[in-house]
Amino acid sequence: MKAFRLDELEAERAANDGAYLQFLRERNMSVGLYALDAGDSDPQQPHGQDEVYMVVSGRASITVGMETTEVARGSVVYVPAGVAHKFHHISEDLRVLVVFSPPEG
């Protein structure tokens, strides 16, 4: 078993000065914590893997392909591989768990 605490992951991510911290990588998936502060721009490009986003805190909108929806704590969004997507209108600091399948990279 591997167990993680969000507060510890957030501290590690912040200490590394990056928006993304991969904290689990297995053969069929990887999991990371993605952070965008209120007002930030999301620099993402389409990925070669399927993704699931689970919002753990914050508030924003996300556009996936041609569809847009608002997200907040508890929202879960699936993004198929290769589809353009971005968080925007980030009104509260956003913290998102990201699952890539297969693992990123």
PDB file of N, CA and C in Angstrom:
ATOM      1  N   MET A   1       0.838  -1.178   0.000  1.00  0.00           N
ATOM      2  CA  MET A   1       0.000   0.000   0.000  1.00  0.00           C
ATOM      3  C   MET A   1       0.886   1.245   0.000  1.00  0.00           C
ATOM      4  N   LYS A   2       0.378   2.270  -0.653  1.00  0.00           N
ATOM      5  CA  LYS A   2       0.991   3.591  -0.597  1.00  0.00           C
ATOM      6  C   LYS A   2      -0.109   4.553  -0.190  1.00  0.00           C
ATOM      7  N   ALA A   3       0.177   5.399   0.775  1.00  0.00           N
ATOM      8  CA  ALA A   3      -0.811   6.361   1.259  1.00  0.00           C
ATOM      9  C   ALA A   3      -0.189   7.748   1.262  1.00  0.00           C
ATOM     10  N   PHE A   4      -1.000   8.759   0.991  1.00  0.00           N
ATOM     11  CA  PHE A   4      -0.511  10.120   0.857  1.00  0.00           C
ATOM     12  C   PHE A   4      -1.440  11.074   1.591  1.00  0.00           C
ATOM     13  N   ARG A   5      -0.890  12.215   2.010  1.00  0.00           N
ATOM     14  CA  ARG A   5      -1.669  13.295   2.633  1.00  0.00           C
ATOM     15  C   ARG A   5      -1.582  14.516   1.727  1.00  0.00           C
ATOM     16  N   LEU A   6      -2.724  15.081   1.406  1.00  0.00           N
ATOM     17  CA  LEU A   6      -2.741  16.225   0.505  1.00  0.00           C
ATOM     18  C   LEU A   6      -1.918  17.401   1.018  1.00  0.00           C
ATOM     19  N   ASP A   7      -1.951  17.648   2.331  1.00  0.00           N
ATOM     20  CA  ASP A   7      -1.181  18.779   2.851  1.00  0.00           C
ATOM     21  C   ASP A   7       0.316  18.570   2.651  1.00  0.00           C
ATOM     22  N   GLU A   8       0.789  17.332   2.806  1.00  0.00           N
ATOM     23  CA  GLU A   8       2.205  17.035   2.581  1.00  0.00           C
ATOM     24  C   GLU A   8       2.566  17.118   1.098  1.00  0.00           C
ATOM     25  N   LEU A   9       1.670  16.651   0.227  1.00  0.00           N
ATOM     26  CA  LEU A   9       1.914  16.748  -1.210  1.00  0.00           C
ATOM     27  C   LEU A   9       1.963  18.202  -1.656  1.00  0.00           C
ATOM     28  N   GLU A  10       1.056  19.019  -1.124  1.00  0.00           N
ATOM     29  CA  GLU A  10       1.036  20.439  -1.476  1.00  0.00           C
ATOM     30  C   GLU A  10       2.321  21.116  -1.017  1.00  0.00           C
ATOM     31  N   ALA A  11       2.800  20.790   0.163  1.00  0.00           N
ATOM     32  CA  ALA A  11       4.050  21.369   0.663  1.00  0.00           C
ATOM     33  C   ALA A  11       5.227  20.963  -0.223  1.00  0.00           C
ATOM     34  N   GLU A  12       5.281  19.707  -0.625  1.00  0.00           N
ATOM     35  CA  GLU A  12       6.360  19.241  -1.502  1.00  0.00           C
ATOM     36  C   GLU A  12       6.285  19.921  -2.865  1.00  0.00           C
ATOM     37  N   ARG A  13       5.076  20.029  -3.414  1.00  0.00           N
ATOM     38  CA  ARG A  13       4.907  20.700  -4.704  1.00  0.00           C
ATOM     39  C   ARG A  13       5.376  22.146  -4.618  1.00  0.00           C
ATOM     40  N   ALA A  14       4.960  22.859  -3.585  1.00  0.00           N
ATOM     41  CA  ALA A  14       5.332  24.266  -3.414  1.00  0.00           C
ATOM     42  C   ALA A  14       6.840  24.421  -3.232  1.00  0.00           C
ATOM     43  N   ALA A  15       7.467  23.501  -2.505  1.00  0.00           N
ATOM     44  CA  ALA A  15       8.909  23.571  -2.267  1.00  0.00           C
ATOM     45  C   ALA A  15       9.703  23.376  -3.554  1.00  0.00           C
ATOM     46  N   ASN A  16       9.117  22.676  -4.514  1.00  0.00           N
ATOM     47  CA  ASN A  16       9.795  22.419  -5.785  1.00  0.00           C
ATOM     48  C   ASN A  16       9.487  23.472  -6.838  1.00  0.00           C
ATOM     49  N   ASP A  17       8.746  24.518  -6.462  1.00  0.00           N
ATOM     50  CA  ASP A  17       8.439  25.642  -7.364  1.00  0.00           C
ATOM     51  C   ASP A  17       7.817  25.199  -8.683  1.00  0.00           C
ATOM     52  N   GLY A  18       6.967  24.211  -8.644  1.00  0.00           N
ATOM     53  CA  GLY A  18       6.306  23.778  -9.870  1.00  0.00           C
ATOM     54  C   GLY A  18       4.809  23.687  -9.676  1.00  0.00           C
ATOM     55  N   ALA A  19       4.078  23.770 -10.785  1.00  0.00           N
ATOM     56  CA  ALA A  19       2.624  23.655 -10.721  1.00  0.00           C
ATOM     57  C   ALA A  19       2.186  22.198 -10.594  1.00  0.00           C
ATOM     58  N   TYR A  20       3.066  21.249 -10.973  1.00  0.00           N
ATOM     59  CA  TYR A  20       2.671  19.836 -10.993  1.00  0.00           C
ATOM     60  C   TYR A  20       3.679  18.996 -10.220  1.00  0.00           C
ATOM     61  N   LEU A  21       3.152  18.105  -9.399  1.00  0.00           N
ATOM     62  CA  LEU A  21       3.982  17.151  -8.657  1.00  0.00           C
ATOM     63  C   LEU A  21       3.434  15.755  -8.907  1.00  0.00           C
ATOM     64  N   GLN A  22       4.201  14.931  -9.621  1.00  0.00           N
ATOM     65  CA  GLN A  22       3.821  13.528  -9.757  1.00  0.00           C
ATOM     66  C   GLN A  22       4.247  12.815  -8.488  1.00  0.00           C
ATOM     67  N   PHE A  23       3.307  12.154  -7.816  1.00  0.00           N
ATOM     68  CA  PHE A  23       3.656  11.493  -6.568  1.00  0.00           C
ATOM     69  C   PHE A  23       3.431   9.986  -6.601  1.00  0.00           C
ATOM     70  N   LEU A  24       2.883   9.468  -7.677  1.00  0.00           N
ATOM     71  CA  LEU A  24       2.707   8.030  -7.815  1.00  0.00           C
ATOM     72  C   LEU A  24       2.834   7.663  -9.282  1.00  0.00           C
ATOM     73  N   ARG A  25       3.634   6.638  -9.549  1.00  0.00           N
ATOM     74  CA  ARG A  25       3.786   6.156 -10.925  1.00  0.00           C
ATOM     75  C   ARG A  25       3.817   4.642 -10.882  1.00  0.00           C
ATOM     76  N   GLU A  26       2.899   4.038 -11.589  1.00  0.00           N
ATOM     77  CA  GLU A  26       2.808   2.584 -11.709  1.00  0.00           C
ATOM     78  C   GLU A  26       2.752   2.223 -13.184  1.00  0.00           C
ATOM     79  N   ARG A  27       2.721   0.947 -13.476  1.00  0.00           N
ATOM     80  CA  ARG A  27       2.772   0.496 -14.862  1.00  0.00           C
ATOM     81  C   ARG A  27       1.625   1.070 -15.707  1.00  0.00           C
ATOM     82  N   ASN A  28       0.427   1.146 -15.153  1.00  0.00           N
ATOM     83  CA  ASN A  28      -0.745   1.531 -15.931  1.00  0.00           C
ATOM     84  C   ASN A  28      -1.281   2.926 -15.653  1.00  0.00           C
ATOM     85  N   MET A  29      -0.656   3.649 -14.726  1.00  0.00           N
ATOM     86  CA  MET A  29      -1.152   4.984 -14.420  1.00  0.00           C
ATOM     87  C   MET A  29      -0.121   5.775 -13.640  1.00  0.00           C
ATOM     88  N   SER A  30      -0.330   7.086 -13.627  1.00  0.00           N
ATOM     89  CA  SER A  30       0.422   7.958 -12.729  1.00  0.00           C
ATOM     90  C   SER A  30      -0.571   8.933 -12.123  1.00  0.00           C
ATOM     91  N   VAL A  31      -0.212   9.469 -10.956  1.00  0.00           N
ATOM     92  CA  VAL A  31      -1.088  10.401 -10.248  1.00  0.00           C
ATOM     93  C   VAL A  31      -0.247  11.576  -9.792  1.00  0.00           C
ATOM     94  N   GLY A  32      -0.813  12.773  -9.940  1.00  0.00           N
ATOM     95  CA  GLY A  32      -0.103  13.965  -9.525  1.00  0.00           C
ATOM     96  C   GLY A  32      -1.047  15.003  -8.957  1.00  0.00           C
ATOM     97  N   LEU A  33      -0.446  16.031  -8.387  1.00  0.00           N
ATOM     98  CA  LEU A  33      -1.178  17.173  -7.857  1.00  0.00           C
ATOM     99  C   LEU A  33      -0.841  18.369  -8.736  1.00  0.00           C
ATOM    100  N   TYR A  34      -1.884  19.002  -9.270  1.00  0.00           N
ATOM    101  CA  TYR A  34      -1.729  20.160 -10.152  1.00  0.00           C
ATOM    102  C   TYR A  34      -2.275  21.382  -9.431  1.00  0.00           C
ATOM    103  N   ALA A  35      -1.544  22.481  -9.464  1.00  0.00           N
ATOM    104  CA  ALA A  35      -1.935  23.689  -8.738  1.00  0.00           C
ATOM    105  C   ALA A  35      -1.890  24.907  -9.648  1.00  0.00           C
ATOM    106  N   LEU A  36      -2.969  25.646  -9.643  1.00  0.00           N
ATOM    107  CA  LEU A  36      -3.039  26.932 -10.323  1.00  0.00           C
ATOM    108  C   LEU A  36      -3.671  27.917  -9.353  1.00  0.00           C
ATOM    109  N   ASP A  37      -3.025  29.051  -9.156  1.00  0.00           N
ATOM    110  CA  ASP A  37      -3.568  30.049  -8.237  1.00  0.00           C
ATOM    111  C   ASP A  37      -4.584  30.933  -8.946  1.00  0.00           C
ATOM    112  N   ALA A  38      -5.428  31.581  -8.166  1.00  0.00           N
ATOM    113  CA  ALA A  38      -6.444  32.474  -8.716  1.00  0.00           C
ATOM    114  C   ALA A  38      -5.794  33.456  -9.684  1.00  0.00           C
ATOM    115  N   GLY A  39      -6.394  33.574 -10.861  1.00  0.00           N
ATOM    116  CA  GLY A  39      -5.881  34.486 -11.870  1.00  0.00           C
ATOM    117  C   GLY A  39      -4.810  33.919 -12.775  1.00  0.00           C
ATOM    118  N   ASP A  40      -4.256  32.744 -12.444  1.00  0.00           N
ATOM    119  CA  ASP A  40      -3.217  32.126 -13.281  1.00  0.00           C
ATOM    120  C   ASP A  40      -3.775  31.715 -14.641  1.00  0.00           C
ATOM    121  N   SER A  41      -2.863  31.541 -15.601  1.00  0.00           N
ATOM    122  CA  SER A  41      -3.184  30.941 -16.896  1.00  0.00           C
ATOM    123  C   SER A  41      -2.702  29.505 -16.879  1.00  0.00           C
ATOM    124  N   ASP A  42      -3.458  28.630 -17.490  1.00  0.00           N
ATOM    125  CA  ASP A  42      -3.118  27.209 -17.559  1.00  0.00           C
ATOM    126  C   ASP A  42      -2.329  26.951 -18.835  1.00  0.00           C
ATOM    127  N   PRO A  43      -1.037  26.564 -18.732  1.00  0.00           N
ATOM    128  CA  PRO A  43      -0.203  26.396 -19.918  1.00  0.00           C
ATOM    129  C   PRO A  43      -0.297  25.021 -20.583  1.00  0.00           C
ATOM    130  N   GLN A  44      -1.218  24.182 -20.158  1.00  0.00           N
ATOM    131  CA  GLN A  44      -1.265  22.804 -20.664  1.00  0.00           C
ATOM    132  C   GLN A  44      -1.440  22.710 -22.174  1.00  0.00           C
ATOM    133  N   GLN A  45      -0.866  21.659 -22.705  1.00  0.00           N
ATOM    134  CA  GLN A  45      -1.076  21.242 -24.080  1.00  0.00           C
ATOM    135  C   GLN A  45      -1.740  19.866 -24.027  1.00  0.00           C
ATOM    136  N   PRO A  46      -2.379  19.422 -25.104  1.00  0.00           N
ATOM    137  CA  PRO A  46      -2.981  18.084 -25.083  1.00  0.00           C
ATOM    138  C   PRO A  46      -1.946  17.013 -24.731  1.00  0.00           C
ATOM    139  N   HIS A  47      -2.396  16.009 -24.003  1.00  0.00           N
ATOM    140  CA  HIS A  47      -1.533  14.911 -23.578  1.00  0.00           C
ATOM    141  C   HIS A  47      -1.838  13.657 -24.399  1.00  0.00           C
ATOM    142  N   GLY A  48      -0.885  12.756 -24.447  1.00  0.00           N
ATOM    143  CA  GLY A  48      -1.047  11.508 -25.178  1.00  0.00           C
ATOM    144  C   GLY A  48      -1.729  10.423 -24.365  1.00  0.00           C
ATOM    145  N   GLN A  49      -2.193  10.761 -23.167  1.00  0.00           N
ATOM    146  CA  GLN A  49      -2.843   9.793 -22.283  1.00  0.00           C
ATOM    147  C   GLN A  49      -4.232  10.286 -21.907  1.00  0.00           C
ATOM    148  N   ASP A  50      -5.109   9.357 -21.576  1.00  0.00           N
ATOM    149  CA  ASP A  50      -6.377   9.727 -20.963  1.00  0.00           C
ATOM    150  C   ASP A  50      -6.075  10.329 -19.594  1.00  0.00           C
ATOM    151  N   GLU A  51      -6.933  11.265 -19.160  1.00  0.00           N
ATOM    152  CA  GLU A  51      -6.747  11.915 -17.858  1.00  0.00           C
ATOM    153  C   GLU A  51      -8.071  11.987 -17.113  1.00  0.00           C
ATOM    154  N   VAL A  52      -7.974  11.926 -15.808  1.00  0.00           N
ATOM    155  CA  VAL A  52      -9.105  12.231 -14.939  1.00  0.00           C
ATOM    156  C   VAL A  52      -8.627  13.294 -13.962  1.00  0.00           C
ATOM    157  N   TYR A  53      -9.398  14.375 -13.854  1.00  0.00           N
ATOM    158  CA  TYR A  53      -9.133  15.449 -12.900  1.00  0.00           C
ATOM    159  C   TYR A  53     -10.156  15.364 -11.774  1.00  0.00           C
ATOM    160  N   MET A  54      -9.687  15.428 -10.532  1.00  0.00           N
ATOM    161  CA  MET A  54     -10.587  15.536  -9.391  1.00  0.00           C
ATOM    162  C   MET A  54     -10.198  16.784  -8.618  1.00  0.00           C
ATOM    163  N   VAL A  55     -11.100  17.753  -8.555  1.00  0.00           N
ATOM    164  CA  VAL A  55     -10.816  19.021  -7.894  1.00  0.00           C
ATOM    165  C   VAL A  55     -10.923  18.825  -6.383  1.00  0.00           C
ATOM    166  N   VAL A  56      -9.829  19.113  -5.682  1.00  0.00           N
ATOM    167  CA  VAL A  56      -9.831  18.981  -4.220  1.00  0.00           C
ATOM    168  C   VAL A  56     -10.071  20.319  -3.531  1.00  0.00           C
ATOM    169  N   SER A  57      -9.792  21.417  -4.233  1.00  0.00           N
ATOM    170  CA  SER A  57     -10.120  22.742  -3.697  1.00  0.00           C
ATOM    171  C   SER A  57     -10.055  23.755  -4.824  1.00  0.00           C
ATOM    172  N   GLY A  58     -10.735  24.884  -4.619  1.00  0.00           N
ATOM    173  CA  GLY A  58     -10.705  25.966  -5.577  1.00  0.00           C
ATOM    174  C   GLY A  58     -11.926  26.005  -6.463  1.00  0.00           C
ATOM    175  N   ARG A  59     -11.890  26.953  -7.390  1.00  0.00           N
ATOM    176  CA  ARG A  59     -13.015  27.173  -8.293  1.00  0.00           C
ATOM    177  C   ARG A  59     -12.474  27.730  -9.605  1.00  0.00           C
ATOM    178  N   ALA A  60     -12.978  27.184 -10.723  1.00  0.00           N
ATOM    179  CA  ALA A  60     -12.533  27.610 -12.052  1.00  0.00           C
ATOM    180  C   ALA A  60     -13.522  27.090 -13.084  1.00  0.00           C
ATOM    181  N   SER A  61     -13.222  27.366 -14.327  1.00  0.00           N
ATOM    182  CA  SER A  61     -13.902  26.733 -15.453  1.00  0.00           C
ATOM    183  C   SER A  61     -12.869  25.880 -16.167  1.00  0.00           C
ATOM    184  N   ILE A  62     -13.339  24.854 -16.866  1.00  0.00           N
ATOM    185  CA  ILE A  62     -12.453  24.055 -17.711  1.00  0.00           C
ATOM    186  C   ILE A  62     -13.137  23.885 -19.057  1.00  0.00           C
ATOM    187  N   THR A  63     -12.335  24.016 -20.102  1.00  0.00           N
ATOM    188  CA  THR A  63     -12.811  23.737 -21.451  1.00  0.00           C
ATOM    189  C   THR A  63     -12.079  22.506 -21.946  1.00  0.00           C
ATOM    190  N   VAL A  64     -12.847  21.534 -22.405  1.00  0.00           N
ATOM    191  CA  VAL A  64     -12.319  20.291 -22.978  1.00  0.00           C
ATOM    192  C   VAL A  64     -12.905  20.191 -24.378  1.00  0.00           C
ATOM    193  N   GLY A  65     -12.022  20.270 -25.375  1.00  0.00           N
ATOM    194  CA  GLY A  65     -12.527  20.314 -26.744  1.00  0.00           C
ATOM    195  C   GLY A  65     -13.365  21.574 -26.920  1.00  0.00           C
ATOM    196  N   MET A  66     -14.639  21.418 -27.238  1.00  0.00           N
ATOM    197  CA  MET A  66     -15.554  22.549 -27.440  1.00  0.00           C
ATOM    198  C   MET A  66     -16.521  22.735 -26.273  1.00  0.00           C
ATOM    199  N   GLU A  67     -16.361  21.942 -25.205  1.00  0.00           N
ATOM    200  CA  GLU A  67     -17.280  22.012 -24.064  1.00  0.00           C
ATOM    201  C   GLU A  67     -16.628  22.703 -22.878  1.00  0.00           C
ATOM    202  N   THR A  68     -17.404  23.527 -22.180  1.00  0.00           N
ATOM    203  CA  THR A  68     -16.925  24.233 -20.998  1.00  0.00           C
ATOM    204  C   THR A  68     -17.868  23.964 -19.836  1.00  0.00           C
ATOM    205  N   THR A  69     -17.282  23.786 -18.649  1.00  0.00           N
ATOM    206  CA  THR A  69     -18.072  23.621 -17.434  1.00  0.00           C
ATOM    207  C   THR A  69     -17.334  24.260 -16.276  1.00  0.00           C
ATOM    208  N   GLU A  70     -18.083  24.637 -15.250  1.00  0.00           N
ATOM    209  CA  GLU A  70     -17.475  25.151 -14.032  1.00  0.00           C
ATOM    210  C   GLU A  70     -17.111  23.974 -13.142  1.00  0.00           C
ATOM    211  N   VAL A  71     -15.994  24.118 -12.429  1.00  0.00           N
ATOM    212  CA  VAL A  71     -15.554  23.077 -11.501  1.00  0.00           C
ATOM    213  C   VAL A  71     -15.249  23.693 -10.143  1.00  0.00           C
ATOM    214  N   ALA A  72     -15.436  22.877  -9.113  1.00  0.00           N
ATOM    215  CA  ALA A  72     -15.140  23.253  -7.739  1.00  0.00           C
ATOM    216  C   ALA A  72     -14.867  21.960  -6.982  1.00  0.00           C
ATOM    217  N   ARG A  73     -14.586  22.090  -5.687  1.00  0.00           N
ATOM    218  CA  ARG A  73     -14.287  20.913  -4.865  1.00  0.00           C
ATOM    219  C   ARG A  73     -15.313  19.803  -5.121  1.00  0.00           C
ATOM    220  N   GLY A  74     -14.792  18.606  -5.413  1.00  0.00           N
ATOM    221  CA  GLY A  74     -15.645  17.456  -5.675  1.00  0.00           C
ATOM    222  C   GLY A  74     -15.940  17.201  -7.140  1.00  0.00           C
ATOM    223  N   SER A  75     -15.599  18.133  -8.015  1.00  0.00           N
ATOM    224  CA  SER A  75     -15.823  17.928  -9.450  1.00  0.00           C
ATOM    225  C   SER A  75     -14.825  16.914  -9.992  1.00  0.00           C
ATOM    226  N   VAL A  76     -15.288  16.085 -10.908  1.00  0.00           N
ATOM    227  CA  VAL A  76     -14.443  15.103 -11.588  1.00  0.00           C
ATOM    228  C   VAL A  76     -14.654  15.269 -13.083  1.00  0.00           C
ATOM    229  N   VAL A  77     -13.557  15.396 -13.830  1.00  0.00           N
ATOM    230  CA  VAL A  77     -13.627  15.626 -15.270  1.00  0.00           C
ATOM    231  C   VAL A  77     -12.728  14.616 -15.973  1.00  0.00           C
ATOM    232  N   TYR A  78     -13.260  13.971 -17.015  1.00  0.00           N
ATOM    233  CA  TYR A  78     -12.482  13.060 -17.852  1.00  0.00           C
ATOM    234  C   TYR A  78     -12.073  13.801 -19.120  1.00  0.00           C
ATOM    235  N   VAL A  79     -10.789  13.657 -19.500  1.00  0.00           N
ATOM    236  CA  VAL A  79     -10.262  14.257 -20.728  1.00  0.00           C
ATOM    237  C   VAL A  79      -9.632  13.144 -21.560  1.00  0.00           C
ATOM    238  N   PRO A  80     -10.201  12.858 -22.743  1.00  0.00           N
ATOM    239  CA  PRO A  80      -9.599  11.825 -23.593  1.00  0.00           C
ATOM    240  C   PRO A  80      -8.223  12.247 -24.107  1.00  0.00           C
ATOM    241  N   ALA A  81      -7.385  11.271 -24.367  1.00  0.00           N
ATOM    242  CA  ALA A  81      -6.047  11.527 -24.907  1.00  0.00           C
ATOM    243  C   ALA A  81      -6.137  12.383 -26.168  1.00  0.00           C
ATOM    244  N   GLY A  82      -5.222  13.356 -26.265  1.00  0.00           N
ATOM    245  CA  GLY A  82      -5.111  14.163 -27.464  1.00  0.00           C
ATOM    246  C   GLY A  82      -6.078  15.329 -27.577  1.00  0.00           C
ATOM    247  N   VAL A  83      -7.010  15.482 -26.641  1.00  0.00           N
ATOM    248  CA  VAL A  83      -8.002  16.554 -26.725  1.00  0.00           C
ATOM    249  C   VAL A  83      -7.490  17.796 -26.001  1.00  0.00           C
ATOM    250  N   ALA A  84      -7.586  18.948 -26.655  1.00  0.00           N
ATOM    251  CA  ALA A  84      -7.169  20.212 -26.049  1.00  0.00           C
ATOM    252  C   ALA A  84      -8.045  20.511 -24.834  1.00  0.00           C
ATOM    253  N   HIS A  85      -7.407  21.011 -23.760  1.00  0.00           N
ATOM    254  CA  HIS A  85      -8.149  21.335 -22.535  1.00  0.00           C
ATOM    255  C   HIS A  85      -7.364  22.350 -21.728  1.00  0.00           C
ATOM    256  N   LYS A  86      -8.095  23.205 -21.013  1.00  0.00           N
ATOM    257  CA  LYS A  86      -7.469  24.235 -20.180  1.00  0.00           C
ATOM    258  C   LYS A  86      -8.430  24.635 -19.073  1.00  0.00           C
ATOM    259  N   PHE A  87      -7.845  24.893 -17.891  1.00  0.00           N
ATOM    260  CA  PHE A  87      -8.581  25.562 -16.833  1.00  0.00           C
ATOM    261  C   PHE A  87      -8.489  27.058 -17.100  1.00  0.00           C
ATOM    262  N   HIS A  88      -9.538  27.797 -16.792  1.00  0.00           N
ATOM    263  CA  HIS A  88      -9.532  29.246 -16.978  1.00  0.00           C
ATOM    264  C   HIS A  88     -10.533  29.874 -16.008  1.00  0.00           C
ATOM    265  N   HIS A  89     -10.540  31.197 -15.967  1.00  0.00           N
ATOM    266  CA  HIS A  89     -11.387  31.924 -15.011  1.00  0.00           C
ATOM    267  C   HIS A  89     -11.220  31.326 -13.614  1.00  0.00           C
ATOM    268  N   ILE A  90      -9.977  31.186 -13.199  1.00  0.00           N
ATOM    269  CA  ILE A  90      -9.659  30.593 -11.895  1.00  0.00           C
ATOM    270  C   ILE A  90      -9.901  31.662 -10.834  1.00  0.00           C
ATOM    271  N   SER A  91     -11.004  31.505 -10.102  1.00  0.00           N
ATOM    272  CA  SER A  91     -11.405  32.537  -9.137  1.00  0.00           C
ATOM    273  C   SER A  91     -10.939  32.219  -7.718  1.00  0.00           C
ATOM    274  N   GLU A  92     -10.612  30.963  -7.439  1.00  0.00           N
ATOM    275  CA  GLU A  92     -10.052  30.542  -6.150  1.00  0.00           C
ATOM    276  C   GLU A  92      -8.908  29.586  -6.443  1.00  0.00           C
ATOM    277  N   ASP A  93      -7.815  29.665  -5.654  1.00  0.00           N
ATOM    278  CA  ASP A  93      -6.667  28.779  -5.857  1.00  0.00           C
ATOM    279  C   ASP A  93      -7.138  27.358  -6.096  1.00  0.00           C
ATOM    280  N   LEU A  94      -6.697  26.764  -7.195  1.00  0.00           N
ATOM    281  CA  LEU A  94      -7.171  25.467  -7.653  1.00  0.00           C
ATOM    282  C   LEU A  94      -6.143  24.385  -7.352  1.00  0.00           C
ATOM    283  N   ARG A  95      -6.569  23.302  -6.723  1.00  0.00           N
ATOM    284  CA  ARG A  95      -5.734  22.127  -6.472  1.00  0.00           C
ATOM    285  C   ARG A  95      -6.487  20.918  -7.009  1.00  0.00           C
ATOM    286  N   VAL A  96      -5.822  20.186  -7.902  1.00  0.00           N
ATOM    287  CA  VAL A  96      -6.476  19.112  -8.645  1.00  0.00           C
ATOM    288  C   VAL A  96      -5.611  17.865  -8.621  1.00  0.00           C
ATOM    289  N   LEU A  97      -6.214  16.730  -8.281  1.00  0.00           N
ATOM    290  CA  LEU A  97      -5.534  15.446  -8.462  1.00  0.00           C
ATOM    291  C   LEU A  97      -5.717  15.036  -9.915  1.00  0.00           C
ATOM    292  N   VAL A  98      -4.618  14.586 -10.536  1.00  0.00           N
ATOM    293  CA  VAL A  98      -4.632  14.205 -11.937  1.00  0.00           C
ATOM    294  C   VAL A  98      -4.183  12.751 -12.055  1.00  0.00           C
ATOM    295  N   VAL A  99      -5.009  11.958 -12.720  1.00  0.00           N
ATOM    296  CA  VAL A  99      -4.658  10.561 -12.997  1.00  0.00           C
ATOM    297  C   VAL A  99      -4.428  10.434 -14.501  1.00  0.00           C
ATOM    298  N   PHE A 100      -3.242  10.000 -14.898  1.00  0.00           N
ATOM    299  CA  PHE A 100      -2.917   9.709 -16.291  1.00  0.00           C
ATOM    300  C   PHE A 100      -2.912   8.199 -16.487  1.00  0.00           C
ATOM    301  N   SER A 101      -3.512   7.762 -17.596  1.00  0.00           N
ATOM    302  CA  SER A 101      -3.453   6.348 -17.915  1.00  0.00           C
ATOM    303  C   SER A 101      -3.280   6.203 -19.432  1.00  0.00           C
ATOM    304  N   PRO A 102      -2.190   5.545 -19.855  1.00  0.00           N
ATOM    305  CA  PRO A 102      -1.053   5.053 -19.087  1.00  0.00           C
ATOM    306  C   PRO A 102      -0.257   6.222 -18.506  1.00  0.00           C
ATOM    307  N   PRO A 103       0.811   5.930 -17.756  1.00  0.00           N
ATOM    308  CA  PRO A 103       1.570   6.999 -17.123  1.00  0.00           C
ATOM    309  C   PRO A 103       2.086   8.035 -18.122  1.00  0.00           C
ATOM    310  N   GLU A 104       2.131   9.276 -17.695  1.00  0.00           N
ATOM    311  CA  GLU A 104       2.660  10.356 -18.505  1.00  0.00           C
ATOM    312  C   GLU A 104       4.134  10.103 -18.807  1.00  0.00           C
ATOM    313  N   GLY A 105       4.532  10.423 -20.033  1.00  0.00           N
ATOM    314  CA  GLY A 105       5.938  10.341 -20.410  1.00  0.00           C
ATOM    315  C   GLY A 105       6.388   8.949 -20.597  1.00  0.00           C
TER     316      GLY A 105
END
